[in-house]
């Protein structure tokens, strides 16, 4: 007699989120779940064409939507080519930790950013302490899914484990929605 194992406490958010698929609360539940599991406060999804230009941008926050909207708009309108990960977005040639098939896990701390204006405007002023990103291909587009931390410290081991397990799903959901 076989039993399906129950979702672990770490996975419980996913079950709650799945219950809301197709309902108006789905997106909010997904963001709340990612926040509970990963401790990220803000999210952005960017899609780049083969020439490295942004063709889609969306942002969401569990605590300050106007902040992530304005920060994402500034990034898209003025600073995206100055992102230290931009060469990866354009060619994907540099090595990075692969959390799943075709995805790269990238980590950025403000202290690792040499461009002082970029760091000030996109990390220091909004209060972002860390950023973990997934970079992957979706059709002919490069997709960049960013998780920003501002209230809780980043636990990179936890983030790597969660994004290795759920990264492809999260990338698909972000690209679709």
C-alpha atoms as a PDB file:
ATOM      1  CA  UNK A   1       0.000   0.000   0.000  1.00  0.00           C
ATOM      2  CA  UNK A   2       1.734   3.172  -1.156  1.00  0.00           C
ATOM      3  CA  UNK A   3       1.416   6.607   0.318  1.00  0.00           C
ATOM      4  CA  UNK A   4       2.315   9.875  -1.248  1.00  0.00           C
ATOM      5  CA  UNK A   5       4.596  11.736   1.150  1.00  0.00           C
ATOM      6  CA  UNK A   6       3.182  14.950   2.585  1.00  0.00           C
ATOM      7  CA  UNK A   7       4.772  18.191   1.572  1.00  0.00           C
ATOM      8  CA  UNK A   8       7.479  19.215   3.975  1.00  0.00           C
ATOM      9  CA  UNK A   9       7.101  22.432   5.936  1.00  0.00           C
ATOM     10  CA  UNK A  10       9.542  23.960   3.478  1.00  0.00           C
ATOM     11  CA  UNK A  11       7.224  23.011   0.600  1.00  0.00           C
ATOM     12  CA  UNK A  12       3.878  23.862   2.224  1.00  0.00           C
ATOM     13  CA  UNK A  13       3.647  27.235   0.445  1.00  0.00           C
ATOM     14  CA  UNK A  14       3.575  25.473  -2.911  1.00  0.00           C
ATOM     15  CA  UNK A  15       0.514  23.425  -1.977  1.00  0.00           C
ATOM     16  CA  UNK A  16      -1.347  26.523  -0.809  1.00  0.00           C
ATOM     17  CA  UNK A  17      -0.384  28.326  -3.997  1.00  0.00           C
ATOM     18  CA  UNK A  18      -1.520  25.433  -6.193  1.00  0.00           C
ATOM     19  CA  UNK A  19      -4.942  25.570  -4.549  1.00  0.00           C
ATOM     20  CA  UNK A  20      -5.349  29.120  -5.902  1.00  0.00           C
ATOM     21  CA  UNK A  21      -4.367  28.436  -9.529  1.00  0.00           C
ATOM     22  CA  UNK A  22      -6.947  30.116 -11.717  1.00  0.00           C
ATOM     23  CA  UNK A  23      -8.275  32.249  -8.895  1.00  0.00           C
ATOM     24  CA  UNK A  24      -7.736  36.001  -8.424  1.00  0.00           C
ATOM     25  CA  UNK A  25      -5.526  35.414  -5.369  1.00  0.00           C
ATOM     26  CA  UNK A  26      -3.035  33.158  -7.189  1.00  0.00           C
ATOM     27  CA  UNK A  27      -0.349  35.798  -7.827  1.00  0.00           C
ATOM     28  CA  UNK A  28      -0.487  37.186  -4.300  1.00  0.00           C
ATOM     29  CA  UNK A  29      -0.318  33.653  -2.863  1.00  0.00           C
ATOM     30  CA  UNK A  30       2.670  32.842  -5.067  1.00  0.00           C
ATOM     31  CA  UNK A  31       4.544  35.966  -3.935  1.00  0.00           C
ATOM     32  CA  UNK A  32       3.696  35.306  -0.295  1.00  0.00           C
ATOM     33  CA  UNK A  33       4.912  31.731  -0.665  1.00  0.00           C
ATOM     34  CA  UNK A  34       8.193  32.725  -2.267  1.00  0.00           C
ATOM     35  CA  UNK A  35       8.680  35.310   0.458  1.00  0.00           C
ATOM     36  CA  UNK A  36       7.983  32.747   3.193  1.00  0.00           C
ATOM     37  CA  UNK A  37      10.302  30.148   1.658  1.00  0.00           C
ATOM     38  CA  UNK A  38      13.112  32.364   0.378  1.00  0.00           C
ATOM     39  CA  UNK A  39      12.693  35.591   2.421  1.00  0.00           C
ATOM     40  CA  UNK A  40      12.842  37.735  -0.732  1.00  0.00           C
ATOM     41  CA  UNK A  41      10.754  40.916  -0.561  1.00  0.00           C
ATOM     42  CA  UNK A  42      10.741  42.121  -4.162  1.00  0.00           C
ATOM     43  CA  UNK A  43      10.814  40.424  -7.553  1.00  0.00           C
ATOM     44  CA  UNK A  44      11.404  41.415 -11.147  1.00  0.00           C
ATOM     45  CA  UNK A  45      11.173  39.490 -14.388  1.00  0.00           C
ATOM     46  CA  UNK A  46      12.901  40.777 -17.488  1.00  0.00           C
ATOM     47  CA  UNK A  47      12.925  39.328 -20.964  1.00  0.00           C
ATOM     48  CA  UNK A  48      15.659  40.240 -23.451  1.00  0.00           C
ATOM     49  CA  UNK A  49      15.654  39.837 -27.215  1.00  0.00           C
ATOM     50  CA  UNK A  50      18.634  38.221 -29.005  1.00  0.00           C
ATOM     51  CA  UNK A  51      20.294  41.666 -29.340  1.00  0.00           C
ATOM     52  CA  UNK A  52      20.266  42.179 -25.547  1.00  0.00           C
ATOM     53  CA  UNK A  53      17.423  44.708 -25.460  1.00  0.00           C
ATOM     54  CA  UNK A  54      14.695  44.444 -22.841  1.00  0.00           C
ATOM     55  CA  UNK A  55      11.395  43.559 -24.478  1.00  0.00           C
ATOM     56  CA  UNK A  56       9.372  42.878 -21.317  1.00  0.00           C
ATOM     57  CA  UNK A  57       9.650  43.915 -17.670  1.00  0.00           C
ATOM     58  CA  UNK A  58       7.404  43.199 -14.707  1.00  0.00           C
ATOM     59  CA  UNK A  59       7.895  43.652 -10.976  1.00  0.00           C
ATOM     60  CA  UNK A  60       6.125  42.650  -7.777  1.00  0.00           C
ATOM     61  CA  UNK A  61       6.650  43.165  -4.072  1.00  0.00           C
ATOM     62  CA  UNK A  62       5.258  41.772  -0.842  1.00  0.00           C
ATOM     63  CA  UNK A  63       5.979  45.002   1.033  1.00  0.00           C
ATOM     64  CA  UNK A  64       6.442  48.030  -1.281  1.00  0.00           C
ATOM     65  CA  UNK A  65       5.100  47.811  -4.836  1.00  0.00           C
ATOM     66  CA  UNK A  66       5.876  51.457  -5.752  1.00  0.00           C
ATOM     67  CA  UNK A  67       9.525  50.922  -4.727  1.00  0.00           C
ATOM     68  CA  UNK A  68      10.086  47.895  -6.965  1.00  0.00           C
ATOM     69  CA  UNK A  69       8.113  49.519  -9.796  1.00  0.00           C
ATOM     70  CA  UNK A  70      10.261  52.659  -9.752  1.00  0.00           C
ATOM     71  CA  UNK A  71      13.499  50.716  -9.331  1.00  0.00           C
ATOM     72  CA  UNK A  72      12.625  48.389 -12.215  1.00  0.00           C
ATOM     73  CA  UNK A  73      11.622  51.327 -14.416  1.00  0.00           C
ATOM     74  CA  UNK A  74      14.953  53.048 -13.695  1.00  0.00           C
ATOM     75  CA  UNK A  75      16.821  49.838 -14.464  1.00  0.00           C
ATOM     76  CA  UNK A  76      14.959  49.339 -17.768  1.00  0.00           C
ATOM     77  CA  UNK A  77      15.075  52.971 -18.903  1.00  0.00           C
ATOM     78  CA  UNK A  78      18.666  53.819 -17.973  1.00  0.00           C
ATOM     79  CA  UNK A  79      20.848  51.236 -16.266  1.00  0.00           C
ATOM     80  CA  UNK A  80      20.318  47.701 -17.564  1.00  0.00           C
ATOM     81  CA  UNK A  81      23.462  47.685 -19.706  1.00  0.00           C
ATOM     82  CA  UNK A  82      25.487  48.581 -16.592  1.00  0.00           C
ATOM     83  CA  UNK A  83      24.258  45.494 -14.699  1.00  0.00           C
ATOM     84  CA  UNK A  84      27.317  43.380 -13.822  1.00  0.00           C
ATOM     85  CA  UNK A  85      25.350  40.354 -15.111  1.00  0.00           C
ATOM     86  CA  UNK A  86      24.493  41.979 -18.453  1.00  0.00           C
ATOM     87  CA  UNK A  87      27.269  40.137 -20.346  1.00  0.00           C
ATOM     88  CA  UNK A  88      25.705  36.864 -19.165  1.00  0.00           C
ATOM     89  CA  UNK A  89      22.311  38.035 -20.381  1.00  0.00           C
ATOM     90  CA  UNK A  90      23.780  38.809 -23.792  1.00  0.00           C
ATOM     91  CA  UNK A  91      25.866  35.730 -24.398  1.00  0.00           C
ATOM     92  CA  UNK A  92      25.409  33.307 -21.503  1.00  0.00           C
ATOM     93  CA  UNK A  93      29.022  32.199 -21.937  1.00  0.00           C
ATOM     94  CA  UNK A  94      30.416  32.808 -18.438  1.00  0.00           C
ATOM     95  CA  UNK A  95      30.225  30.019 -15.875  1.00  0.00           C
ATOM     96  CA  UNK A  96      27.731  30.232 -13.030  1.00  0.00           C
ATOM     97  CA  UNK A  97      26.053  27.760 -10.706  1.00  0.00           C
ATOM     98  CA  UNK A  98      23.399  25.854 -12.639  1.00  0.00           C
ATOM     99  CA  UNK A  99      20.317  25.285 -10.468  1.00  0.00           C
ATOM    100  CA  UNK A 100      18.477  23.310 -13.129  1.00  0.00           C
ATOM    101  CA  UNK A 101      18.428  22.461 -16.784  1.00  0.00           C
ATOM    102  CA  UNK A 102      19.309  25.596 -18.701  1.00  0.00           C
ATOM    103  CA  UNK A 103      19.138  27.933 -15.699  1.00  0.00           C
ATOM    104  CA  UNK A 104      21.966  29.794 -14.023  1.00  0.00           C
ATOM    105  CA  UNK A 105      21.860  30.929 -10.433  1.00  0.00           C
ATOM    106  CA  UNK A 106      23.534  34.307  -9.892  1.00  0.00           C
ATOM    107  CA  UNK A 107      24.122  36.202  -6.655  1.00  0.00           C
ATOM    108  CA  UNK A 108      24.876  39.889  -6.210  1.00  0.00           C
ATOM    109  CA  UNK A 109      25.692  41.864  -3.088  1.00  0.00           C
ATOM    110  CA  UNK A 110      26.013  45.662  -3.142  1.00  0.00           C
ATOM    111  CA  UNK A 111      29.613  45.323  -1.949  1.00  0.00           C
ATOM    112  CA  UNK A 112      30.450  43.321  -5.087  1.00  0.00           C
ATOM    113  CA  UNK A 113      29.306  46.088  -7.465  1.00  0.00           C
ATOM    114  CA  UNK A 114      32.083  48.318  -8.749  1.00  0.00           C
ATOM    115  CA  UNK A 115      29.838  50.870 -10.474  1.00  0.00           C
ATOM    116  CA  UNK A 116      29.069  53.248  -7.574  1.00  0.00           C
ATOM    117  CA  UNK A 117      26.107  54.989  -9.265  1.00  0.00           C
ATOM    118  CA  UNK A 118      24.503  51.657 -10.177  1.00  0.00           C
ATOM    119  CA  UNK A 119      25.008  50.407  -6.603  1.00  0.00           C
ATOM    120  CA  UNK A 120      23.656  53.612  -5.058  1.00  0.00           C
ATOM    121  CA  UNK A 121      20.562  53.890  -7.241  1.00  0.00           C
ATOM    122  CA  UNK A 122      19.602  50.222  -7.487  1.00  0.00           C
ATOM    123  CA  UNK A 123      20.698  48.868  -4.101  1.00  0.00           C
ATOM    124  CA  UNK A 124      21.593  51.463  -1.476  1.00  0.00           C
ATOM    125  CA  UNK A 125      18.732  53.944  -1.971  1.00  0.00           C
ATOM    126  CA  UNK A 126      15.958  51.307  -2.236  1.00  0.00           C
ATOM    127  CA  UNK A 127      17.515  49.380   0.669  1.00  0.00           C
ATOM    128  CA  UNK A 128      18.235  46.120  -1.165  1.00  0.00           C
ATOM    129  CA  UNK A 129      20.845  44.080   0.696  1.00  0.00           C
ATOM    130  CA  UNK A 130      21.227  41.210  -1.799  1.00  0.00           C
ATOM    131  CA  UNK A 131      19.893  39.915  -5.082  1.00  0.00           C
ATOM    132  CA  UNK A 132      19.630  36.336  -6.281  1.00  0.00           C
ATOM    133  CA  UNK A 133      18.762  35.803  -9.926  1.00  0.00           C
ATOM    134  CA  UNK A 134      17.841  33.020 -12.273  1.00  0.00           C
ATOM    135  CA  UNK A 135      18.968  33.457 -15.856  1.00  0.00           C
ATOM    136  CA  UNK A 136      17.648  31.204 -18.578  1.00  0.00           C
ATOM    137  CA  UNK A 137      16.504  30.843 -22.134  1.00  0.00           C
ATOM    138  CA  UNK A 138      12.791  30.813 -23.007  1.00  0.00           C
ATOM    139  CA  UNK A 139      12.277  30.382 -26.713  1.00  0.00           C
ATOM    140  CA  UNK A 140      14.309  33.086 -28.425  1.00  0.00           C
ATOM    141  CA  UNK A 141      14.373  35.243 -25.273  1.00  0.00           C
ATOM    142  CA  UNK A 142      16.778  35.397 -22.363  1.00  0.00           C
ATOM    143  CA  UNK A 143      14.853  35.660 -19.110  1.00  0.00           C
ATOM    144  CA  UNK A 144      16.197  37.192 -15.925  1.00  0.00           C
ATOM    145  CA  UNK A 145      14.179  36.521 -12.768  1.00  0.00           C
ATOM    146  CA  UNK A 146      15.417  38.558  -9.785  1.00  0.00           C
ATOM    147  CA  UNK A 147      14.721  38.121  -6.082  1.00  0.00           C
ATOM    148  CA  UNK A 148      15.629  41.155  -3.946  1.00  0.00           C
ATOM    149  CA  UNK A 149      16.194  41.066  -0.199  1.00  0.00           C
ATOM    150  CA  UNK A 150      15.666  44.067   2.061  1.00  0.00           C
ATOM    151  CA  UNK A 151      14.276  42.982   5.446  1.00  0.00           C
ATOM    152  CA  UNK A 152      15.810  39.561   6.075  1.00  0.00           C
ATOM    153  CA  UNK A 153      19.369  38.511   5.330  1.00  0.00           C
ATOM    154  CA  UNK A 154      19.961  36.220   2.393  1.00  0.00           C
ATOM    155  CA  UNK A 155      20.647  32.596   3.291  1.00  0.00           C
ATOM    156  CA  UNK A 156      22.464  31.579   0.101  1.00  0.00           C
ATOM    157  CA  UNK A 157      22.388  27.872   0.949  1.00  0.00           C
ATOM    158  CA  UNK A 158      18.626  27.973   1.411  1.00  0.00           C
ATOM    159  CA  UNK A 159      18.171  30.091  -1.728  1.00  0.00           C
ATOM    160  CA  UNK A 160      20.310  27.758  -3.829  1.00  0.00           C
ATOM    161  CA  UNK A 161      18.392  24.709  -2.584  1.00  0.00           C
ATOM    162  CA  UNK A 162      14.978  26.225  -3.200  1.00  0.00           C
ATOM    163  CA  UNK A 163      15.847  27.665  -6.593  1.00  0.00           C
ATOM    164  CA  UNK A 164      17.456  24.402  -7.662  1.00  0.00           C
ATOM    165  CA  UNK A 165      14.226  22.611  -6.772  1.00  0.00           C
ATOM    166  CA  UNK A 166      11.700  25.193  -8.027  1.00  0.00           C
ATOM    167  CA  UNK A 167      13.664  27.445 -10.389  1.00  0.00           C
ATOM    168  CA  UNK A 168      12.264  26.056 -13.641  1.00  0.00           C
ATOM    169  CA  UNK A 169       8.718  26.280 -12.317  1.00  0.00           C
ATOM    170  CA  UNK A 170       9.208  29.845 -11.079  1.00  0.00           C
ATOM    171  CA  UNK A 171      10.793  30.897 -14.376  1.00  0.00           C
ATOM    172  CA  UNK A 172       7.888  29.388 -16.296  1.00  0.00           C
ATOM    173  CA  UNK A 173       5.321  31.090 -14.082  1.00  0.00           C
ATOM    174  CA  UNK A 174       7.092  34.433 -14.333  1.00  0.00           C
ATOM    175  CA  UNK A 175       7.361  34.182 -18.099  1.00  0.00           C
ATOM    176  CA  UNK A 176       3.710  33.176 -18.458  1.00  0.00           C
ATOM    177  CA  UNK A 177       2.235  35.688 -16.029  1.00  0.00           C
END
